[in-house]
């Protein structure tokens, strides 16, 4: 039987682990990462929670293995950001669980639509969002922009 995955809201004690997980995923994809380009990760509580956004973490056996956030673009539109899963934990449904929780949270806000962007060569992420009904509405500068009507 596999590990039980728990999705829960971010707590201050998650700061270092969440930041490291996200930066590790970016470094893996881009081969290097400049942490100064990610100032929102310096203080997740301040950048997300105190702004009224939702920042979730996924845990497996007490280890932080995933992150994802829902921010407000405007009164009608939410944006999913910072979805990341530890490389050793991929293909276990963690990204799906995080996405499901974020979509459900968007419905309760209540947003009318959710947008997300990812790199156009990040095929697993694109397929994940397509699975939940997100459709491409723009593609530029190596990024794909997708939307889900709620």
N, C-alpha and C. Protein backbone atom coordinates (compact mmCIF):
# COMPACT_ATOMS: atom_id res chain seq x y z
N UNK A 1 0.84 -1.18 0.00
CA UNK A 1 0.00 0.00 0.00
C UNK A 1 0.88 1.24 0.00
N UNK A 2 0.51 2.26 -0.76
CA UNK A 2 1.31 3.47 -0.88
C UNK A 2 1.18 4.38 0.33
N UNK A 3 2.01 5.40 0.32
CA UNK A 3 1.99 6.38 1.40
C UNK A 3 0.69 7.18 1.34
N UNK A 4 0.22 7.58 2.50
CA UNK A 4 -0.95 8.45 2.55
C UNK A 4 -0.49 9.88 2.31
N UNK A 5 -1.13 10.55 1.37
CA UNK A 5 -0.81 11.93 1.05
C UNK A 5 -1.82 12.82 1.75
N UNK A 6 -1.34 13.80 2.50
CA UNK A 6 -2.20 14.73 3.21
C UNK A 6 -1.99 16.11 2.60
N UNK A 7 -3.08 16.75 2.19
CA UNK A 7 -3.03 18.12 1.68
C UNK A 7 -3.54 19.03 2.80
N UNK A 8 -2.76 20.04 3.12
CA UNK A 8 -3.14 20.95 4.21
C UNK A 8 -2.64 22.36 3.92
N UNK A 9 -3.19 23.35 4.62
CA UNK A 9 -2.70 24.72 4.46
C UNK A 9 -1.26 24.86 4.96
N UNK A 10 -0.53 25.74 4.34
CA UNK A 10 0.83 26.10 4.72
C UNK A 10 0.85 26.61 6.15
N UNK A 11 1.90 26.22 6.90
CA UNK A 11 2.16 26.75 8.24
C UNK A 11 3.56 27.36 8.21
N UNK A 12 3.80 28.31 9.09
CA UNK A 12 5.09 29.02 9.13
C UNK A 12 6.27 28.04 9.18
N UNK A 13 6.12 26.93 9.88
CA UNK A 13 7.20 25.95 9.99
C UNK A 13 7.53 25.24 8.68
N UNK A 14 6.69 25.42 7.65
CA UNK A 14 6.92 24.80 6.34
C UNK A 14 7.82 25.65 5.45
N UNK A 15 8.11 26.89 5.86
CA UNK A 15 8.78 27.87 5.01
C UNK A 15 10.02 27.30 4.30
N UNK A 16 10.99 26.83 5.05
CA UNK A 16 12.25 26.40 4.45
C UNK A 16 12.07 25.19 3.53
N UNK A 17 11.26 24.25 3.96
CA UNK A 17 11.05 23.05 3.14
C UNK A 17 10.29 23.37 1.86
N UNK A 18 9.28 24.23 1.95
CA UNK A 18 8.50 24.60 0.76
C UNK A 18 9.36 25.36 -0.23
N UNK A 19 10.12 26.32 0.25
CA UNK A 19 11.00 27.10 -0.62
C UNK A 19 12.01 26.19 -1.31
N UNK A 20 12.64 25.30 -0.56
CA UNK A 20 13.64 24.39 -1.13
C UNK A 20 13.02 23.47 -2.17
N UNK A 21 11.83 22.97 -1.90
CA UNK A 21 11.17 22.07 -2.85
C UNK A 21 10.88 22.79 -4.17
N UNK A 22 10.33 23.99 -4.09
CA UNK A 22 9.99 24.74 -5.31
C UNK A 22 11.25 25.09 -6.09
N UNK A 23 12.27 25.60 -5.41
CA UNK A 23 13.51 25.97 -6.10
C UNK A 23 14.20 24.75 -6.70
N UNK A 24 14.12 23.63 -6.02
CA UNK A 24 14.72 22.40 -6.55
C UNK A 24 14.03 21.98 -7.85
N UNK A 25 12.71 22.07 -7.88
CA UNK A 25 11.98 21.73 -9.10
C UNK A 25 12.32 22.65 -10.25
N UNK A 26 12.45 23.94 -9.96
CA UNK A 26 12.82 24.89 -11.00
C UNK A 26 14.24 24.63 -11.49
N UNK A 27 15.14 24.35 -10.57
CA UNK A 27 16.54 24.07 -10.95
C UNK A 27 16.62 22.81 -11.81
N UNK A 28 15.81 21.83 -11.46
CA UNK A 28 15.79 20.58 -12.23
C UNK A 28 15.37 20.84 -13.67
N UNK A 29 14.38 21.69 -13.85
CA UNK A 29 13.86 21.95 -15.19
C UNK A 29 14.76 22.90 -15.99
N UNK A 30 15.29 23.91 -15.31
CA UNK A 30 16.06 24.94 -16.01
C UNK A 30 17.57 24.78 -15.87
N UNK A 31 17.99 23.75 -15.15
CA UNK A 31 19.41 23.42 -14.92
C UNK A 31 20.10 24.34 -13.92
N UNK A 32 19.57 25.49 -13.64
CA UNK A 32 20.07 26.36 -12.58
C UNK A 32 18.95 27.31 -12.22
N UNK A 33 19.07 27.90 -11.05
CA UNK A 33 18.02 28.81 -10.63
C UNK A 33 18.63 29.95 -9.82
N UNK A 34 18.12 31.12 -10.05
CA UNK A 34 18.53 32.31 -9.31
C UNK A 34 17.44 32.60 -8.29
N UNK A 35 17.68 32.30 -6.99
CA UNK A 35 16.64 32.51 -5.99
C UNK A 35 16.16 33.96 -5.90
N UNK A 36 16.96 34.91 -6.35
CA UNK A 36 16.54 36.31 -6.29
C UNK A 36 15.41 36.59 -7.28
N UNK A 37 15.20 35.69 -8.24
CA UNK A 37 14.09 35.84 -9.19
C UNK A 37 12.77 35.33 -8.62
N UNK A 38 12.82 34.83 -7.39
CA UNK A 38 11.64 34.26 -6.74
C UNK A 38 11.43 34.90 -5.37
N UNK A 39 11.27 36.22 -5.32
CA UNK A 39 11.18 36.90 -4.02
C UNK A 39 9.97 36.48 -3.18
N UNK A 40 8.93 35.98 -3.82
CA UNK A 40 7.74 35.54 -3.08
C UNK A 40 8.04 34.36 -2.17
N UNK A 41 9.14 33.64 -2.44
CA UNK A 41 9.46 32.46 -1.65
C UNK A 41 10.27 32.79 -0.39
N UNK A 42 10.75 34.02 -0.29
CA UNK A 42 11.53 34.42 0.88
C UNK A 42 10.67 34.36 2.13
N UNK A 43 9.40 34.76 2.00
CA UNK A 43 8.47 34.72 3.12
C UNK A 43 7.09 34.37 2.56
N UNK A 44 6.79 33.09 2.49
CA UNK A 44 5.54 32.61 1.91
C UNK A 44 4.34 33.14 2.69
N UNK A 45 4.46 33.18 4.00
CA UNK A 45 3.38 33.70 4.85
C UNK A 45 3.01 35.12 4.42
N UNK A 46 4.02 35.96 4.27
CA UNK A 46 3.79 37.35 3.90
C UNK A 46 3.33 37.49 2.44
N UNK A 47 3.93 36.72 1.54
CA UNK A 47 3.63 36.83 0.12
C UNK A 47 2.28 36.25 -0.26
N UNK A 48 1.80 35.26 0.46
CA UNK A 48 0.56 34.58 0.10
C UNK A 48 -0.52 34.68 1.17
N UNK A 49 -0.25 34.13 2.34
CA UNK A 49 -1.28 34.00 3.36
C UNK A 49 -1.82 35.36 3.80
N UNK A 50 -0.93 36.29 4.12
CA UNK A 50 -1.38 37.60 4.59
C UNK A 50 -2.05 38.42 3.49
N UNK A 51 -1.89 37.99 2.23
CA UNK A 51 -2.55 38.65 1.10
C UNK A 51 -3.92 38.04 0.79
N UNK A 52 -4.31 37.03 1.60
CA UNK A 52 -5.61 36.39 1.39
C UNK A 52 -5.57 35.24 0.40
N UNK A 53 -4.38 34.83 0.01
CA UNK A 53 -4.23 33.71 -0.93
C UNK A 53 -4.18 32.40 -0.16
N UNK A 54 -4.39 31.33 -0.88
CA UNK A 54 -4.32 29.99 -0.31
C UNK A 54 -3.02 29.34 -0.76
N UNK A 55 -2.23 28.86 0.17
CA UNK A 55 -0.99 28.14 -0.15
C UNK A 55 -1.09 26.79 0.53
N UNK A 56 -1.07 25.73 -0.26
CA UNK A 56 -1.21 24.37 0.25
C UNK A 56 0.12 23.63 0.18
N UNK A 57 0.27 22.66 1.08
CA UNK A 57 1.39 21.74 1.01
C UNK A 57 0.85 20.32 1.03
N UNK A 58 1.62 19.42 0.44
CA UNK A 58 1.31 17.99 0.47
C UNK A 58 2.37 17.31 1.32
N UNK A 59 1.91 16.43 2.20
CA UNK A 59 2.83 15.68 3.06
C UNK A 59 2.64 14.19 2.83
N UNK A 60 3.75 13.46 2.88
CA UNK A 60 3.74 12.00 2.85
C UNK A 60 4.65 11.54 3.98
N UNK A 61 4.10 10.83 4.92
CA UNK A 61 4.86 10.36 6.08
C UNK A 61 5.63 11.49 6.76
N UNK A 62 4.98 12.63 6.90
CA UNK A 62 5.59 13.77 7.58
C UNK A 62 6.54 14.60 6.75
N UNK A 63 6.86 14.14 5.54
CA UNK A 63 7.77 14.89 4.66
C UNK A 63 6.95 15.79 3.74
N UNK A 64 7.40 17.00 3.53
CA UNK A 64 6.75 17.91 2.61
C UNK A 64 7.14 17.49 1.19
N UNK A 65 6.14 17.11 0.38
CA UNK A 65 6.42 16.57 -0.95
C UNK A 65 5.77 17.34 -2.08
N UNK A 66 5.00 18.39 -1.75
CA UNK A 66 4.36 19.16 -2.81
C UNK A 66 3.84 20.48 -2.30
N UNK A 67 3.65 21.41 -3.24
CA UNK A 67 3.11 22.72 -2.92
C UNK A 67 2.18 23.17 -4.04
N UNK A 68 1.34 24.12 -3.73
CA UNK A 68 0.48 24.75 -4.73
C UNK A 68 -0.26 25.90 -4.10
N UNK A 69 -0.50 26.95 -4.89
CA UNK A 69 -1.15 28.13 -4.34
C UNK A 69 -2.23 28.64 -5.29
N UNK A 70 -3.20 29.33 -4.72
CA UNK A 70 -4.27 29.98 -5.46
C UNK A 70 -4.26 31.45 -5.06
N UNK A 71 -4.03 32.32 -6.04
CA UNK A 71 -4.04 33.75 -5.79
C UNK A 71 -5.17 34.39 -6.58
N UNK A 72 -5.51 35.60 -6.22
CA UNK A 72 -6.56 36.32 -6.91
C UNK A 72 -5.97 37.24 -7.98
N UNK A 73 -6.40 37.03 -9.22
CA UNK A 73 -6.03 37.95 -10.30
C UNK A 73 -6.91 39.18 -10.23
N UNK A 74 -8.20 38.94 -10.02
CA UNK A 74 -9.21 39.98 -9.85
C UNK A 74 -10.44 39.31 -9.22
N UNK A 75 -11.53 40.03 -9.10
CA UNK A 75 -12.72 39.49 -8.42
C UNK A 75 -13.25 38.22 -9.07
N UNK A 76 -13.05 38.06 -10.36
CA UNK A 76 -13.61 36.91 -11.08
C UNK A 76 -12.60 35.81 -11.40
N UNK A 77 -11.31 36.10 -11.28
CA UNK A 77 -10.29 35.18 -11.77
C UNK A 77 -9.28 34.82 -10.70
N UNK A 78 -9.12 33.51 -10.50
CA UNK A 78 -8.06 33.00 -9.64
C UNK A 78 -6.92 32.50 -10.51
N UNK A 79 -5.74 32.44 -9.94
CA UNK A 79 -4.56 31.93 -10.65
C UNK A 79 -3.88 30.88 -9.79
N UNK A 80 -3.63 29.72 -10.38
CA UNK A 80 -2.87 28.67 -9.71
C UNK A 80 -1.39 28.92 -9.98
N UNK A 81 -0.61 28.93 -8.90
CA UNK A 81 0.83 29.15 -8.99
C UNK A 81 1.56 28.20 -8.04
N UNK A 82 2.82 28.09 -8.25
CA UNK A 82 3.75 27.38 -7.36
C UNK A 82 3.40 25.91 -7.12
N UNK A 83 2.80 25.27 -8.13
CA UNK A 83 2.56 23.83 -8.03
C UNK A 83 3.89 23.14 -8.29
N UNK A 84 4.32 22.39 -7.31
CA UNK A 84 5.60 21.69 -7.41
C UNK A 84 5.51 20.40 -6.61
N UNK A 85 6.09 19.34 -7.16
CA UNK A 85 6.12 18.04 -6.48
C UNK A 85 7.57 17.56 -6.45
N UNK A 86 8.00 17.07 -5.31
CA UNK A 86 9.37 16.56 -5.16
C UNK A 86 9.65 15.52 -6.23
N UNK A 87 10.83 15.56 -6.79
CA UNK A 87 11.17 14.66 -7.90
C UNK A 87 10.99 13.19 -7.53
N UNK A 88 11.26 12.83 -6.30
CA UNK A 88 11.14 11.43 -5.87
C UNK A 88 9.69 11.01 -5.64
N UNK A 89 8.77 11.97 -5.68
CA UNK A 89 7.37 11.68 -5.38
C UNK A 89 6.43 11.86 -6.57
N UNK A 90 7.00 12.11 -7.74
CA UNK A 90 6.15 12.34 -8.91
C UNK A 90 5.52 11.03 -9.38
N UNK A 91 4.43 11.19 -10.12
CA UNK A 91 3.66 10.07 -10.67
C UNK A 91 2.94 9.27 -9.59
N UNK A 92 2.66 9.94 -8.50
CA UNK A 92 1.92 9.32 -7.40
C UNK A 92 0.59 10.02 -7.15
N UNK A 93 0.23 10.97 -8.02
CA UNK A 93 -1.05 11.65 -7.90
C UNK A 93 -1.02 12.89 -7.01
N UNK A 94 0.14 13.31 -6.57
CA UNK A 94 0.23 14.47 -5.68
C UNK A 94 -0.16 15.75 -6.41
N UNK A 95 0.32 15.92 -7.62
CA UNK A 95 -0.05 17.09 -8.42
C UNK A 95 -1.55 17.15 -8.65
N UNK A 96 -2.15 16.00 -8.88
CA UNK A 96 -3.60 15.94 -9.08
C UNK A 96 -4.35 16.33 -7.81
N UNK A 97 -3.90 15.81 -6.68
CA UNK A 97 -4.56 16.15 -5.41
C UNK A 97 -4.47 17.65 -5.13
N UNK A 98 -3.30 18.22 -5.33
CA UNK A 98 -3.13 19.65 -5.11
C UNK A 98 -4.04 20.45 -6.05
N UNK A 99 -4.06 20.06 -7.32
CA UNK A 99 -4.89 20.77 -8.30
C UNK A 99 -6.37 20.66 -7.95
N UNK A 100 -6.82 19.49 -7.54
CA UNK A 100 -8.22 19.32 -7.14
C UNK A 100 -8.57 20.23 -5.97
N UNK A 101 -7.70 20.28 -4.97
CA UNK A 101 -7.95 21.15 -3.81
C UNK A 101 -7.98 22.62 -4.23
N UNK A 102 -7.09 23.02 -5.12
CA UNK A 102 -7.05 24.42 -5.55
C UNK A 102 -8.28 24.79 -6.37
N UNK A 103 -8.73 23.88 -7.23
CA UNK A 103 -9.94 24.13 -8.03
C UNK A 103 -11.15 24.25 -7.11
N UNK A 104 -11.25 23.37 -6.14
CA UNK A 104 -12.38 23.42 -5.21
C UNK A 104 -12.35 24.71 -4.40
N UNK A 105 -11.18 25.13 -3.98
CA UNK A 105 -11.05 26.39 -3.25
C UNK A 105 -11.47 27.57 -4.12
N UNK A 106 -11.13 27.52 -5.40
CA UNK A 106 -11.51 28.60 -6.33
C UNK A 106 -13.03 28.68 -6.44
N UNK A 107 -13.70 27.55 -6.42
CA UNK A 107 -15.16 27.53 -6.51
C UNK A 107 -15.80 28.16 -5.28
N UNK A 108 -15.16 28.04 -4.14
CA UNK A 108 -15.74 28.59 -2.91
C UNK A 108 -15.43 30.06 -2.73
N UNK A 109 -14.56 30.65 -3.55
CA UNK A 109 -14.13 32.04 -3.35
C UNK A 109 -15.21 33.07 -3.65
N UNK A 110 -16.06 33.10 -4.58
CA UNK A 110 -16.20 32.23 -5.74
C UNK A 110 -15.67 32.91 -7.01
N UNK A 111 -14.65 32.33 -7.57
CA UNK A 111 -14.14 32.80 -8.86
C UNK A 111 -15.01 32.23 -9.97
N UNK A 112 -15.02 32.89 -11.11
CA UNK A 112 -15.73 32.39 -12.29
C UNK A 112 -14.80 31.60 -13.20
N UNK A 113 -13.49 31.83 -13.04
CA UNK A 113 -12.51 31.12 -13.86
C UNK A 113 -11.18 31.06 -13.12
N UNK A 114 -10.37 30.10 -13.54
CA UNK A 114 -9.01 29.95 -13.01
C UNK A 114 -8.07 29.95 -14.19
N UNK A 115 -6.94 30.64 -14.04
CA UNK A 115 -5.91 30.63 -15.07
C UNK A 115 -4.64 30.01 -14.49
N UNK A 116 -3.82 29.53 -15.37
CA UNK A 116 -2.52 28.97 -14.99
C UNK A 116 -1.59 29.14 -16.18
N UNK A 117 -0.31 29.28 -15.91
CA UNK A 117 0.66 29.30 -16.99
C UNK A 117 1.81 28.37 -16.63
N UNK A 118 2.39 27.80 -17.63
CA UNK A 118 3.54 26.93 -17.44
C UNK A 118 4.38 27.00 -18.72
N UNK A 119 5.54 26.43 -18.66
CA UNK A 119 6.39 26.42 -19.85
C UNK A 119 5.79 25.47 -20.88
N UNK A 120 5.92 25.85 -22.16
CA UNK A 120 5.28 25.04 -23.21
C UNK A 120 5.96 23.69 -23.43
N UNK A 121 7.08 23.45 -22.75
CA UNK A 121 7.72 22.13 -22.85
C UNK A 121 7.60 21.34 -21.54
N UNK A 122 6.78 21.82 -20.63
CA UNK A 122 6.53 21.10 -19.38
C UNK A 122 5.28 20.26 -19.60
N UNK A 123 5.45 19.18 -20.36
CA UNK A 123 4.32 18.39 -20.86
C UNK A 123 3.48 17.76 -19.75
N UNK A 124 4.12 17.29 -18.68
CA UNK A 124 3.35 16.68 -17.59
C UNK A 124 2.40 17.70 -16.96
N UNK A 125 2.86 18.93 -16.77
CA UNK A 125 2.01 19.97 -16.19
C UNK A 125 0.87 20.30 -17.14
N UNK A 126 1.16 20.43 -18.42
CA UNK A 126 0.12 20.74 -19.41
C UNK A 126 -0.95 19.66 -19.40
N UNK A 127 -0.52 18.39 -19.39
CA UNK A 127 -1.47 17.28 -19.38
C UNK A 127 -2.30 17.27 -18.10
N UNK A 128 -1.66 17.60 -16.98
CA UNK A 128 -2.38 17.66 -15.71
C UNK A 128 -3.51 18.67 -15.80
N UNK A 129 -3.21 19.86 -16.26
CA UNK A 129 -4.24 20.89 -16.33
C UNK A 129 -5.31 20.56 -17.37
N UNK A 130 -4.92 19.98 -18.49
CA UNK A 130 -5.89 19.56 -19.50
C UNK A 130 -6.84 18.52 -18.92
N UNK A 131 -6.32 17.63 -18.10
CA UNK A 131 -7.13 16.59 -17.46
C UNK A 131 -8.30 17.22 -16.68
N UNK A 132 -8.07 18.38 -16.09
CA UNK A 132 -9.11 19.05 -15.30
C UNK A 132 -9.92 20.05 -16.11
N UNK A 133 -9.73 20.07 -17.43
CA UNK A 133 -10.56 20.89 -18.29
C UNK A 133 -9.98 22.24 -18.65
N UNK A 134 -8.75 22.51 -18.24
CA UNK A 134 -8.12 23.77 -18.63
C UNK A 134 -7.86 23.74 -20.14
N UNK A 135 -8.11 24.86 -20.79
CA UNK A 135 -7.89 24.98 -22.24
C UNK A 135 -6.91 26.12 -22.50
N UNK A 136 -6.08 25.92 -23.49
CA UNK A 136 -5.11 26.95 -23.86
C UNK A 136 -5.82 28.16 -24.43
N UNK A 137 -5.40 29.35 -23.97
CA UNK A 137 -5.93 30.58 -24.55
C UNK A 137 -4.83 31.49 -25.09
N UNK A 138 -3.56 31.16 -24.79
CA UNK A 138 -2.46 31.96 -25.31
C UNK A 138 -1.17 31.15 -25.20
N UNK A 139 -0.26 31.44 -26.12
CA UNK A 139 1.05 30.81 -26.11
C UNK A 139 2.05 31.85 -26.61
N UNK A 140 3.03 32.19 -25.75
CA UNK A 140 4.04 33.17 -26.15
C UNK A 140 5.27 33.05 -25.26
N UNK A 141 6.39 33.44 -25.82
CA UNK A 141 7.66 33.48 -25.07
C UNK A 141 7.95 32.17 -24.34
N UNK A 142 7.63 31.05 -24.95
CA UNK A 142 7.92 29.75 -24.34
C UNK A 142 6.95 29.34 -23.24
N UNK A 143 5.85 30.07 -23.09
CA UNK A 143 4.86 29.76 -22.07
C UNK A 143 3.52 29.45 -22.70
N UNK A 144 2.77 28.58 -22.03
CA UNK A 144 1.41 28.29 -22.41
C UNK A 144 0.50 28.80 -21.30
N UNK A 145 -0.56 29.51 -21.67
CA UNK A 145 -1.51 30.07 -20.73
C UNK A 145 -2.83 29.32 -20.91
N UNK A 146 -3.37 28.82 -19.80
CA UNK A 146 -4.57 27.99 -19.85
C UNK A 146 -5.62 28.54 -18.88
N UNK A 147 -6.90 28.24 -19.20
CA UNK A 147 -8.02 28.74 -18.40
C UNK A 147 -9.04 27.62 -18.19
N UNK A 148 -9.65 27.65 -17.03
CA UNK A 148 -10.76 26.76 -16.70
C UNK A 148 -11.94 27.63 -16.28
N UNK A 149 -13.07 27.50 -16.99
CA UNK A 149 -14.30 28.19 -16.60
C UNK A 149 -14.96 27.38 -15.49
N UNK A 150 -15.36 28.05 -14.45
CA UNK A 150 -16.00 27.35 -13.31
C UNK A 150 -17.52 27.44 -13.38
